[in-house]
Amino acid sequence: MSATTGFTSKMKAVGNKFSPTIIAFDLTAANTEESYTLPANSTYFCVQNRGKTVLRLAYDALETADNGNYLSIFPGSERSVDSISSPLTTIYLRAGTASRVEIESWS
């Protein structure tokens, strides 16, 4: 099971109705898909790979497998998605080794 560590920030942006959330998310087992539920009504998210292997990101469960439909995020790189208008609530992540991922979202 994955663990959320580090800090969570829920601050109102000055002059803006949106609130950011920043978490450090640990993928504790190699080659195991983990899920993260975005805060309700998220309109933007960014995933930063702090691990040493390629991170796989998918929007449907089980898609991070070798034959799945996933995006690759290389070590030290990030992937962001903005202007979310669909009810996207969960992202799925997998890495070749235990890894740390930073996730920022705005809702």
PDB file of N, CA and C in Angstrom:
ATOM      1  N   MET A   1       0.837  -1.170   0.000  1.00  0.00           N
ATOM      2  CA  MET A   1       0.000   0.000   0.000  1.00  0.00           C
ATOM      3  C   MET A   1       0.885   1.237   0.000  1.00  0.00           C
ATOM      4  N   SER A   2       0.470   2.236  -0.741  1.00  0.00           N
ATOM      5  CA  SER A   2       1.263   3.457  -0.818  1.00  0.00           C
ATOM      6  C   SER A   2       1.036   4.318   0.414  1.00  0.00           C
ATOM      7  N   ALA A   3       1.935   5.240   0.600  1.00  0.00           N
ATOM      8  CA  ALA A   3       1.840   6.121   1.764  1.00  0.00           C
ATOM      9  C   ALA A   3       1.975   7.561   1.326  1.00  0.00           C
ATOM     10  N   THR A   4       1.196   8.411   1.912  1.00  0.00           N
ATOM     11  CA  THR A   4       1.317   9.837   1.693  1.00  0.00           C
ATOM     12  C   THR A   4       2.156  10.380   2.839  1.00  0.00           C
ATOM     13  N   THR A   5       3.303  10.968   2.500  1.00  0.00           N
ATOM     14  CA  THR A   5       4.190  11.479   3.529  1.00  0.00           C
ATOM     15  C   THR A   5       4.558  12.912   3.229  1.00  0.00           C
ATOM     16  N   GLY A   6       5.407  13.465   4.056  1.00  0.00           N
ATOM     17  CA  GLY A   6       5.842  14.837   3.828  1.00  0.00           C
ATOM     18  C   GLY A   6       4.787  15.793   4.322  1.00  0.00           C
ATOM     19  N   PHE A   7       4.257  16.594   3.446  1.00  0.00           N
ATOM     20  CA  PHE A   7       3.316  17.608   3.885  1.00  0.00           C
ATOM     21  C   PHE A   7       2.151  17.687   2.921  1.00  0.00           C
ATOM     22  N   THR A   8       1.069  18.172   3.400  1.00  0.00           N
ATOM     23  CA  THR A   8      -0.081  18.509   2.580  1.00  0.00           C
ATOM     24  C   THR A   8      -0.363  19.975   2.819  1.00  0.00           C
ATOM     25  N   SER A   9      -0.514  20.708   1.760  1.00  0.00           N
ATOM     26  CA  SER A   9      -0.746  22.143   1.875  1.00  0.00           C
ATOM     27  C   SER A   9      -2.120  22.469   1.319  1.00  0.00           C
ATOM     28  N   LYS A  10      -2.974  23.055   2.114  1.00  0.00           N
ATOM     29  CA  LYS A  10      -4.274  23.527   1.664  1.00  0.00           C
ATOM     30  C   LYS A  10      -4.362  25.008   2.013  1.00  0.00           C
ATOM     31  N   MET A  11      -3.947  25.855   1.092  1.00  0.00           N
ATOM     32  CA  MET A  11      -3.946  27.291   1.336  1.00  0.00           C
ATOM     33  C   MET A  11      -4.785  27.957   0.258  1.00  0.00           C
ATOM     34  N   LYS A  12      -5.499  28.959   0.622  1.00  0.00           N
ATOM     35  CA  LYS A  12      -6.224  29.749  -0.354  1.00  0.00           C
ATOM     36  C   LYS A  12      -5.250  30.641  -1.108  1.00  0.00           C
ATOM     37  N   ALA A  13      -5.310  30.576  -2.428  1.00  0.00           N
ATOM     38  CA  ALA A  13      -4.470  31.449  -3.238  1.00  0.00           C
ATOM     39  C   ALA A  13      -5.025  32.874  -3.137  1.00  0.00           C
ATOM     40  N   VAL A  14      -4.167  33.828  -3.013  1.00  0.00           N
ATOM     41  CA  VAL A  14      -4.572  35.222  -2.866  1.00  0.00           C
ATOM     42  C   VAL A  14      -5.282  35.669  -4.137  1.00  0.00           C
ATOM     43  N   GLY A  15      -6.466  36.204  -3.963  1.00  0.00           N
ATOM     44  CA  GLY A  15      -7.219  36.714  -5.094  1.00  0.00           C
ATOM     45  C   GLY A  15      -7.724  35.639  -6.034  1.00  0.00           C
ATOM     46  N   ASN A  16      -7.745  34.400  -5.599  1.00  0.00           N
ATOM     47  CA  ASN A  16      -8.169  33.311  -6.465  1.00  0.00           C
ATOM     48  C   ASN A  16      -9.045  32.379  -5.649  1.00  0.00           C
ATOM     49  N   LYS A  17     -10.039  31.799  -6.277  1.00  0.00           N
ATOM     50  CA  LYS A  17     -10.937  30.909  -5.554  1.00  0.00           C
ATOM     51  C   LYS A  17     -10.404  29.487  -5.455  1.00  0.00           C
ATOM     52  N   PHE A  18      -9.285  29.177  -6.082  1.00  0.00           N
ATOM     53  CA  PHE A  18      -8.762  27.826  -6.099  1.00  0.00           C
ATOM     54  C   PHE A  18      -7.772  27.588  -4.957  1.00  0.00           C
ATOM     55  N   SER A  19      -7.725  26.351  -4.486  1.00  0.00           N
ATOM     56  CA  SER A  19      -6.811  25.971  -3.409  1.00  0.00           C
ATOM     57  C   SER A  19      -5.834  24.917  -3.906  1.00  0.00           C
ATOM     58  N   PRO A  20      -4.532  25.078  -3.619  1.00  0.00           N
ATOM     59  CA  PRO A  20      -3.554  24.063  -4.015  1.00  0.00           C
ATOM     60  C   PRO A  20      -3.405  22.983  -2.948  1.00  0.00           C
ATOM     61  N   THR A  21      -3.109  21.783  -3.390  1.00  0.00           N
ATOM     62  CA  THR A  21      -2.741  20.684  -2.504  1.00  0.00           C
ATOM     63  C   THR A  21      -1.438  20.111  -3.038  1.00  0.00           C
ATOM     64  N   ILE A  22      -0.434  19.971  -2.182  1.00  0.00           N
ATOM     65  CA  ILE A  22       0.852  19.400  -2.573  1.00  0.00           C
ATOM     66  C   ILE A  22       1.140  18.252  -1.617  1.00  0.00           C
ATOM     67  N   ILE A  23       1.426  17.063  -2.179  1.00  0.00           N
ATOM     68  CA  ILE A  23       1.751  15.924  -1.334  1.00  0.00           C
ATOM     69  C   ILE A  23       2.974  15.191  -1.871  1.00  0.00           C
ATOM     70  N   ALA A  24       3.642  14.494  -1.000  1.00  0.00           N
ATOM     71  CA  ALA A  24       4.691  13.551  -1.379  1.00  0.00           C
ATOM     72  C   ALA A  24       4.056  12.165  -1.259  1.00  0.00           C
ATOM     73  N   PHE A  25       4.074  11.417  -2.344  1.00  0.00           N
ATOM     74  CA  PHE A  25       3.389  10.123  -2.421  1.00  0.00           C
ATOM     75  C   PHE A  25       4.440   9.049  -2.645  1.00  0.00           C
ATOM     76  N   ASP A  26       4.509   8.082  -1.751  1.00  0.00           N
ATOM     77  CA  ASP A  26       5.506   7.014  -1.860  1.00  0.00           C
ATOM     78  C   ASP A  26       4.910   5.777  -2.516  1.00  0.00           C
ATOM     79  N   LEU A  27       5.559   5.326  -3.578  1.00  0.00           N
ATOM     80  CA  LEU A  27       5.240   4.030  -4.171  1.00  0.00           C
ATOM     81  C   LEU A  27       6.159   3.051  -3.456  1.00  0.00           C
ATOM     82  N   THR A  28       5.612   2.248  -2.583  1.00  0.00           N
ATOM     83  CA  THR A  28       6.437   1.452  -1.677  1.00  0.00           C
ATOM     84  C   THR A  28       6.857   0.100  -2.236  1.00  0.00           C
ATOM     85  N   ALA A  29       6.219  -0.368  -3.297  1.00  0.00           N
ATOM     86  CA  ALA A  29       6.550  -1.681  -3.867  1.00  0.00           C
ATOM     87  C   ALA A  29       6.874  -1.540  -5.356  1.00  0.00           C
ATOM     88  N   ALA A  30       7.934  -2.188  -5.792  1.00  0.00           N
ATOM     89  CA  ALA A  30       8.341  -2.143  -7.195  1.00  0.00           C
ATOM     90  C   ALA A  30       7.292  -2.837  -8.071  1.00  0.00           C
ATOM     91  N   ASN A  31       7.069  -2.256  -9.251  1.00  0.00           N
ATOM     92  CA  ASN A  31       6.177  -2.834 -10.256  1.00  0.00           C
ATOM     93  C   ASN A  31       4.782  -3.153  -9.726  1.00  0.00           C
ATOM     94  N   THR A  32       4.287  -2.288  -8.865  1.00  0.00           N
ATOM     95  CA  THR A  32       2.946  -2.454  -8.322  1.00  0.00           C
ATOM     96  C   THR A  32       2.166  -1.168  -8.568  1.00  0.00           C
ATOM     97  N   GLU A  33       0.996  -1.302  -9.177  1.00  0.00           N
ATOM     98  CA  GLU A  33       0.182  -0.124  -9.434  1.00  0.00           C
ATOM     99  C   GLU A  33      -0.408   0.414  -8.136  1.00  0.00           C
ATOM    100  N   GLU A  34      -0.304   1.727  -7.962  1.00  0.00           N
ATOM    101  CA  GLU A  34      -0.874   2.424  -6.812  1.00  0.00           C
ATOM    102  C   GLU A  34      -1.825   3.490  -7.340  1.00  0.00           C
ATOM    103  N   SER A  35      -2.842   3.797  -6.580  1.00  0.00           N
ATOM    104  CA  SER A  35      -3.787   4.829  -7.001  1.00  0.00           C
ATOM    105  C   SER A  35      -3.713   6.023  -6.054  1.00  0.00           C
ATOM    106  N   TYR A  36      -4.017   7.174  -6.607  1.00  0.00           N
ATOM    107  CA  TYR A  36      -4.102   8.403  -5.823  1.00  0.00           C
ATOM    108  C   TYR A  36      -5.395   9.113  -6.227  1.00  0.00           C
ATOM    109  N   THR A  37      -6.197   9.460  -5.251  1.00  0.00           N
ATOM    110  CA  THR A  37      -7.447  10.163  -5.506  1.00  0.00           C
ATOM    111  C   THR A  37      -7.201  11.662  -5.398  1.00  0.00           C
ATOM    112  N   LEU A  38      -7.465  12.358  -6.479  1.00  0.00           N
ATOM    113  CA  LEU A  38      -7.314  13.811  -6.499  1.00  0.00           C
ATOM    114  C   LEU A  38      -8.385  14.452  -5.621  1.00  0.00           C
ATOM    115  N   PRO A  39      -8.090  15.624  -5.047  1.00  0.00           N
ATOM    116  CA  PRO A  39      -9.121  16.326  -4.278  1.00  0.00           C
ATOM    117  C   PRO A  39     -10.349  16.603  -5.157  1.00  0.00           C
ATOM    118  N   ALA A  40     -11.501  16.678  -4.535  1.00  0.00           N
ATOM    119  CA  ALA A  40     -12.748  16.936  -5.261  1.00  0.00           C
ATOM    120  C   ALA A  40     -12.635  18.211  -6.085  1.00  0.00           C
ATOM    121  N   ASN A  41     -13.179  18.171  -7.270  1.00  0.00           N
ATOM    122  CA  ASN A  41     -13.250  19.325  -8.178  1.00  0.00           C
ATOM    123  C   ASN A  41     -11.889  19.833  -8.625  1.00  0.00           C
ATOM    124  N   SER A  42     -10.902  18.968  -8.707  1.00  0.00           N
ATOM    125  CA  SER A  42      -9.583  19.391  -9.197  1.00  0.00           C
ATOM    126  C   SER A  42      -9.674  19.832 -10.651  1.00  0.00           C
ATOM    127  N   THR A  43      -9.018  20.944 -10.954  1.00  0.00           N
ATOM    128  CA  THR A  43      -9.001  21.445 -12.326  1.00  0.00           C
ATOM    129  C   THR A  43      -7.606  21.346 -12.946  1.00  0.00           C
ATOM    130  N   TYR A  44      -6.603  21.010 -12.131  1.00  0.00           N
ATOM    131  CA  TYR A  44      -5.216  20.919 -12.576  1.00  0.00           C
ATOM    132  C   TYR A  44      -4.489  19.937 -11.670  1.00  0.00           C
ATOM    133  N   PHE A  45      -3.557  19.163 -12.265  1.00  0.00           N
ATOM    134  CA  PHE A  45      -2.637  18.407 -11.432  1.00  0.00           C
ATOM    135  C   PHE A  45      -1.307  18.258 -12.143  1.00  0.00           C
ATOM    136  N   CYS A  46      -0.257  18.058 -11.351  1.00  0.00           N
ATOM    137  CA  CYS A  46       1.095  17.869 -11.855  1.00  0.00           C
ATOM    138  C   CYS A  46       1.729  16.733 -11.050  1.00  0.00           C
ATOM    139  N   VAL A  47       2.383  15.796 -11.758  1.00  0.00           N
ATOM    140  CA  VAL A  47       3.074  14.682 -11.120  1.00  0.00           C
ATOM    141  C   VAL A  47       4.556  14.817 -11.433  1.00  0.00           C
ATOM    142  N   GLN A  48       5.394  14.875 -10.407  1.00  0.00           N
ATOM    143  CA  GLN A  48       6.846  14.974 -10.563  1.00  0.00           C
ATOM    144  C   GLN A  48       7.465  13.658 -10.113  1.00  0.00           C
ATOM    145  N   ASN A  49       8.309  13.077 -10.947  1.00  0.00           N
ATOM    146  CA  ASN A  49       8.981  11.815 -10.632  1.00  0.00           C
ATOM    147  C   ASN A  49      10.285  12.104  -9.898  1.00  0.00           C
ATOM    148  N   ARG A  50      10.358  11.752  -8.614  1.00  0.00           N
ATOM    149  CA  ARG A  50      11.571  11.918  -7.821  1.00  0.00           C
ATOM    150  C   ARG A  50      12.351  10.612  -7.698  1.00  0.00           C
ATOM    151  N   GLY A  51      11.852   9.558  -8.357  1.00  0.00           N
ATOM    152  CA  GLY A  51      12.515   8.260  -8.303  1.00  0.00           C
ATOM    153  C   GLY A  51      13.654   8.153  -9.304  1.00  0.00           C
ATOM    154  N   LYS A  52      14.241   6.950  -9.374  1.00  0.00           N
ATOM    155  CA  LYS A  52      15.376   6.706 -10.268  1.00  0.00           C
ATOM    156  C   LYS A  52      15.008   5.869 -11.479  1.00  0.00           C
ATOM    157  N   THR A  53      13.729   5.488 -11.601  1.00  0.00           N
ATOM    158  CA  THR A  53      13.264   4.731 -12.758  1.00  0.00           C
ATOM    159  C   THR A  53      12.067   5.440 -13.376  1.00  0.00           C
ATOM    160  N   VAL A  54      11.697   5.010 -14.556  1.00  0.00           N
ATOM    161  CA  VAL A  54      10.563   5.608 -15.257  1.00  0.00           C
ATOM    162  C   VAL A  54       9.279   5.348 -14.465  1.00  0.00           C
ATOM    163  N   LEU A  55       8.469   6.380 -14.345  1.00  0.00           N
ATOM    164  CA  LEU A  55       7.180   6.310 -13.682  1.00  0.00           C
ATOM    165  C   LEU A  55       6.108   6.194 -14.758  1.00  0.00           C
ATOM    166  N   ARG A  56       5.142   5.315 -14.541  1.00  0.00           N
ATOM    167  CA  ARG A  56       4.019   5.172 -15.470  1.00  0.00           C
ATOM    168  C   ARG A  56       2.789   5.818 -14.854  1.00  0.00           C
ATOM    169  N   LEU A  57       2.086   6.626 -15.647  1.00  0.00           N
ATOM    170  CA  LEU A  57       0.878   7.328 -15.222  1.00  0.00           C
ATOM    171  C   LEU A  57      -0.265   6.911 -16.136  1.00  0.00           C
ATOM    172  N   ALA A  58      -1.387   6.506 -15.547  1.00  0.00           N
ATOM    173  CA  ALA A  58      -2.571   6.135 -16.332  1.00  0.00           C
ATOM    174  C   ALA A  58      -3.814   6.718 -15.665  1.00  0.00           C
ATOM    175  N   TYR A  59      -4.902   6.762 -16.443  1.00  0.00           N
ATOM    176  CA  TYR A  59      -6.156   7.301 -15.942  1.00  0.00           C
ATOM    177  C   TYR A  59      -7.181   6.214 -15.656  1.00  0.00           C
ATOM    178  N   ASP A  60      -6.848   4.975 -15.984  1.00  0.00           N
ATOM    179  CA  ASP A  60      -7.715   3.831 -15.713  1.00  0.00           C
ATOM    180  C   ASP A  60      -6.915   2.765 -14.981  1.00  0.00           C
ATOM    181  N   ALA A  61      -7.563   2.051 -14.081  1.00  0.00           N
ATOM    182  CA  ALA A  61      -6.912   0.985 -13.324  1.00  0.00           C
ATOM    183  C   ALA A  61      -6.370  -0.075 -14.271  1.00  0.00           C
ATOM    184  N   LEU A  62      -5.241  -0.635 -13.917  1.00  0.00           N
ATOM    185  CA  LEU A  62      -4.551  -1.720 -14.622  1.00  0.00           C
ATOM    186  C   LEU A  62      -3.887  -1.299 -15.928  1.00  0.00           C
ATOM    187  N   GLU A  63      -3.954  -0.031 -16.290  1.00  0.00           N
ATOM    188  CA  GLU A  63      -3.342   0.434 -17.537  1.00  0.00           C
ATOM    189  C   GLU A  63      -1.836   0.694 -17.400  1.00  0.00           C
ATOM    190  N   THR A  64      -1.278   0.621 -16.191  1.00  0.00           N
ATOM    191  CA  THR A  64       0.159   0.838 -16.043  1.00  0.00           C
ATOM    192  C   THR A  64       0.961  -0.439 -16.300  1.00  0.00           C
ATOM    193  N   ALA A  65       0.285  -1.535 -16.608  1.00  0.00           N
ATOM    194  CA  ALA A  65       0.973  -2.794 -16.920  1.00  0.00           C
ATOM    195  C   ALA A  65       1.743  -2.657 -18.224  1.00  0.00           C
ATOM    196  N   ASP A  66       2.623  -3.607 -18.509  1.00  0.00           N
ATOM    197  CA  ASP A  66       3.489  -3.539 -19.689  1.00  0.00           C
ATOM    198  C   ASP A  66       2.724  -3.332 -20.989  1.00  0.00           C
ATOM    199  N   ASN A  67       1.549  -3.899 -21.122  1.00  0.00           N
ATOM    200  CA  ASN A  67       0.784  -3.759 -22.362  1.00  0.00           C
ATOM    201  C   ASN A  67      -0.323  -2.706 -22.252  1.00  0.00           C
ATOM    202  N   GLY A  68      -0.255  -1.858 -21.229  1.00  0.00           N
ATOM    203  CA  GLY A  68      -1.302  -0.869 -20.984  1.00  0.00           C
ATOM    204  C   GLY A  68      -1.103   0.432 -21.733  1.00  0.00           C
ATOM    205  N   ASN A  69      -2.048   1.307 -21.564  1.00  0.00           N
ATOM    206  CA  ASN A  69      -2.019   2.645 -22.159  1.00  0.00           C
ATOM    207  C   ASN A  69      -1.645   3.634 -21.066  1.00  0.00           C
ATOM    208  N   TYR A  70      -0.376   3.994 -21.015  1.00  0.00           N
ATOM    209  CA  TYR A  70       0.132   4.859 -19.963  1.00  0.00           C
ATOM    210  C   TYR A  70       1.084   5.890 -20.542  1.00  0.00           C
ATOM    211  N   LEU A  71       1.348   6.918 -19.756  1.00  0.00           N
ATOM    212  CA  LEU A  71       2.342   7.932 -20.079  1.00  0.00           C
ATOM    213  C   LEU A  71       3.599   7.643 -19.273  1.00  0.00           C
ATOM    214  N   SER A  72       4.758   7.829 -19.863  1.00  0.00           N
ATOM    215  CA  SER A  72       6.027   7.629 -19.160  1.00  0.00           C
ATOM    216  C   SER A  72       6.542   8.971 -18.658  1.00  0.00           C
ATOM    217  N   ILE A  73       6.925   8.999 -17.384  1.00  0.00           N
ATOM    218  CA  ILE A  73       7.524  10.192 -16.800  1.00  0.00           C
ATOM    219  C   ILE A  73       8.921   9.789 -16.340  1.00  0.00           C
ATOM    220  N   PHE A  74       9.921  10.333 -16.978  1.00  0.00           N
ATOM    221  CA  PHE A  74      11.299   9.954 -16.702  1.00  0.00           C
ATOM    222  C   PHE A  74      11.794  10.587 -15.410  1.00  0.00           C
ATOM    223  N   PRO A  75      12.819   9.998 -14.778  1.00  0.00           N
ATOM    224  CA  PRO A  75      13.342  10.539 -13.518  1.00  0.00           C
ATOM    225  C   PRO A  75      13.641  12.042 -13.626  1.00  0.00           C
ATOM    226  N   GLY A  76      13.176  12.796 -12.637  1.00  0.00           N
ATOM    227  CA  GLY A  76      13.402  14.238 -12.627  1.00  0.00           C
ATOM    228  C   GLY A  76      12.444  15.031 -13.497  1.00  0.00           C
ATOM    229  N   SER A  77      11.544  14.340 -14.195  1.00  0.00           N
ATOM    230  CA  SER A  77      10.599  15.012 -15.094  1.00  0.00           C
ATOM    231  C   SER A  77       9.220  15.084 -14.463  1.00  0.00           C
ATOM    232  N   GLU A  78       8.347  15.843 -15.112  1.00  0.00           N
ATOM    233  CA  GLU A  78       6.991  15.990 -14.610  1.00  0.00           C
ATOM    234  C   GLU A  78       5.988  15.934 -15.742  1.00  0.00           C
ATOM    235  N   ARG A  79       4.751  15.709 -15.377  1.00  0.00           N
ATOM    236  CA  ARG A  79       3.640  15.717 -16.329  1.00  0.00           C
ATOM    237  C   ARG A  79       2.515  16.494 -15.668  1.00  0.00           C
ATOM    238  N   SER A  80       1.972  17.469 -16.378  1.00  0.00           N
ATOM    239  CA  SER A  80       0.869  18.237 -15.813  1.00  0.00           C
ATOM    240  C   SER A  80      -0.332  18.195 -16.752  1.00  0.00           C
ATOM    241  N   VAL A  81      -1.497  18.311 -16.158  1.00  0.00           N
ATOM    242  CA  VAL A  81      -2.753  18.335 -16.900  1.00  0.00           C
ATOM    243  C   VAL A  81      -3.565  19.480 -16.327  1.00  0.00           C
ATOM    244  N   ASP A  82      -3.980  20.401 -17.206  1.00  0.00           N
ATOM    245  CA  ASP A  82      -4.795  21.509 -16.716  1.00  0.00           C
ATOM    246  C   ASP A  82      -6.114  21.572 -17.475  1.00  0.00           C
ATOM    247  N   SER A  83      -6.960  22.435 -17.035  1.00  0.00           N
ATOM    248  CA  SER A  83      -8.300  22.623 -17.602  1.00  0.00           C
ATOM    249  C   SER A  83      -9.101  21.324 -17.590  1.00  0.00           C
ATOM    250  N   ILE A  84      -9.011  20.594 -16.472  1.00  0.00           N
ATOM    251  CA  ILE A  84      -9.774  19.358 -16.339  1.00  0.00           C
ATOM    252  C   ILE A  84     -11.249  19.725 -16.218  1.00  0.00           C
ATOM    253  N   SER A  85     -12.057  19.194 -17.130  1.00  0.00           N
ATOM    254  CA  SER A  85     -13.491  19.472 -17.066  1.00  0.00           C
ATOM    255  C   SER A  85     -14.298  18.193 -16.854  1.00  0.00           C
ATOM    256  N   SER A  86     -13.657  17.043 -17.030  1.00  0.00           N
ATOM    257  CA  SER A  86     -14.352  15.778 -16.793  1.00  0.00           C
ATOM    258  C   SER A  86     -14.218  15.399 -15.324  1.00  0.00           C
ATOM    259  N   PRO A  87     -14.979  14.435 -14.875  1.00  0.00           N
ATOM    260  CA  PRO A  87     -14.903  14.053 -13.459  1.00  0.00           C
ATOM    261  C   PRO A  87     -13.707  13.133 -13.162  1.00  0.00           C
ATOM    262  N   LEU A  88     -12.502  13.545 -13.549  1.00  0.00           N
ATOM    263  CA  LEU A  88     -11.296  12.778 -13.255  1.00  0.00           C
ATOM    264  C   LEU A  88     -11.046  12.835 -11.759  1.00  0.00           C
ATOM    265  N   THR A  89     -11.020  11.681 -11.111  1.00  0.00           N
ATOM    266  CA  THR A  89     -10.845  11.678  -9.664  1.00  0.00           C
ATOM    267  C   THR A  89      -9.652  10.856  -9.208  1.00  0.00           C
ATOM    268  N   THR A  90      -9.206   9.892 -10.006  1.00  0.00           N
ATOM    269  CA  THR A  90      -8.139   8.995  -9.580  1.00  0.00           C
ATOM    270  C   THR A  90      -7.103   8.855 -10.681  1.00  0.00           C
ATOM    271  N   ILE A  91      -5.818   8.872 -10.293  1.00  0.00           N
ATOM    272  CA  ILE A  91      -4.744   8.565 -11.219  1.00  0.00           C
ATOM    273  C   ILE A  91      -4.039   7.313 -10.708  1.00  0.00           C
ATOM    274  N   TYR A  92      -3.403   6.592 -11.621  1.00  0.00           N
ATOM    275  CA  TYR A  92      -2.752   5.330 -11.296  1.00  0.00           C
ATOM    276  C   TYR A  92      -1.277   5.437 -11.654  1.00  0.00           C
ATOM    277  N   LEU A  93      -0.417   4.971 -10.757  1.00  0.00           N
ATOM    278  CA  LEU A  93       1.026   5.127 -10.904  1.00  0.00           C
ATOM    279  C   LEU A  93       1.727   3.799 -10.674  1.00  0.00           C
ATOM    280  N   ARG A  94       2.849   3.581 -11.383  1.00  0.00           N
ATOM    281  CA  ARG A  94       3.683   2.394 -11.199  1.00  0.00           C
ATOM    282  C   ARG A  94       5.117   2.766 -11.560  1.00  0.00           C
ATOM    283  N   ALA A  95       6.076   2.243 -10.797  1.00  0.00           N
ATOM    284  CA  ALA A  95       7.500   2.454 -11.091  1.00  0.00           C
ATOM    285  C   ALA A  95       8.225   1.129 -10.906  1.00  0.00           C
ATOM    286  N   GLY A  96       9.389   1.008 -11.544  1.00  0.00           N
ATOM    287  CA  GLY A  96      10.179  -0.216 -11.481  1.00  0.00           C
ATOM    288  C   GLY A  96      10.807  -0.472 -10.120  1.00  0.00           C
ATOM    289  N   THR A  97      10.938   0.558  -9.320  1.00  0.00           N
ATOM    290  CA  THR A  97      11.469   0.433  -7.958  1.00  0.00           C
ATOM    291  C   THR A  97      10.616   1.291  -7.032  1.00  0.00           C
ATOM    292  N   ALA A  98      10.758   1.079  -5.743  1.00  0.00           N
ATOM    293  CA  ALA A  98      10.068   1.962  -4.801  1.00  0.00           C
ATOM    294  C   ALA A  98      10.500   3.394  -5.097  1.00  0.00           C
ATOM    295  N   SER A  99       9.557   4.310  -5.130  1.00  0.00           N
ATOM    296  CA  SER A  99       9.837   5.677  -5.585  1.00  0.00           C
ATOM    297  C   SER A  99       9.028   6.690  -4.819  1.00  0.00           C
ATOM    298  N   ARG A 100       9.488   7.925  -4.888  1.00  0.00           N
ATOM    299  CA  ARG A 100       8.726   9.056  -4.357  1.00  0.00           C
ATOM    300  C   ARG A 100       8.216   9.875  -5.532  1.00  0.00           C
ATOM    301  N   VAL A 101       6.956  10.284  -5.404  1.00  0.00           N
ATOM    302  CA  VAL A 101       6.286  11.093  -6.416  1.00  0.00           C
ATOM    303  C   VAL A 101       5.718  12.311  -5.707  1.00  0.00           C
ATOM    304  N   GLU A 102       5.849  13.468  -6.316  1.00  0.00           N
ATOM    305  CA  GLU A 102       5.233  14.674  -5.783  1.00  0.00           C
ATOM    306  C   GLU A 102       4.021  14.986  -6.655  1.00  0.00           C
ATOM    307  N   ILE A 103       2.903  15.269  -5.999  1.00  0.00           N
ATOM    308  CA  ILE A 103       1.673  15.557  -6.720  1.00  0.00           C
ATOM    309  C   ILE A 103       1.126  16.908  -6.246  1.00  0.00           C
ATOM    310  N   GLU A 104       0.908  17.792  -7.198  1.00  0.00           N
ATOM    311  CA  GLU A 104       0.296  19.079  -6.922  1.00  0.00           C
ATOM    312  C   GLU A 104      -1.040  19.120  -7.645  1.00  0.00           C
ATOM    313  N   SER A 105      -2.069  19.552  -6.951  1.00  0.00           N
ATOM    314  CA  SER A 105      -3.378  19.697  -7.599  1.00  0.00           C
ATOM    315  C   SER A 105      -4.026  20.988  -7.123  1.00  0.00           C
ATOM    316  N   TRP A 106      -4.934  21.491  -7.954  1.00  0.00           N
ATOM    317  CA  TRP A 106      -5.683  22.698  -7.625  1.00  0.00           C
ATOM    318  C   TRP A 106      -7.162  22.377  -7.739  1.00  0.00           C
ATOM    319  N   SER A 107      -7.901  22.766  -6.726  1.00  0.00           N
ATOM    320  CA  SER A 107      -9.347  22.543  -6.760  1.00  0.00           C
ATOM    321  C   SER A 107     -10.072  23.775  -6.240  1.00  0.00           C
TER     322      SER A 107
END
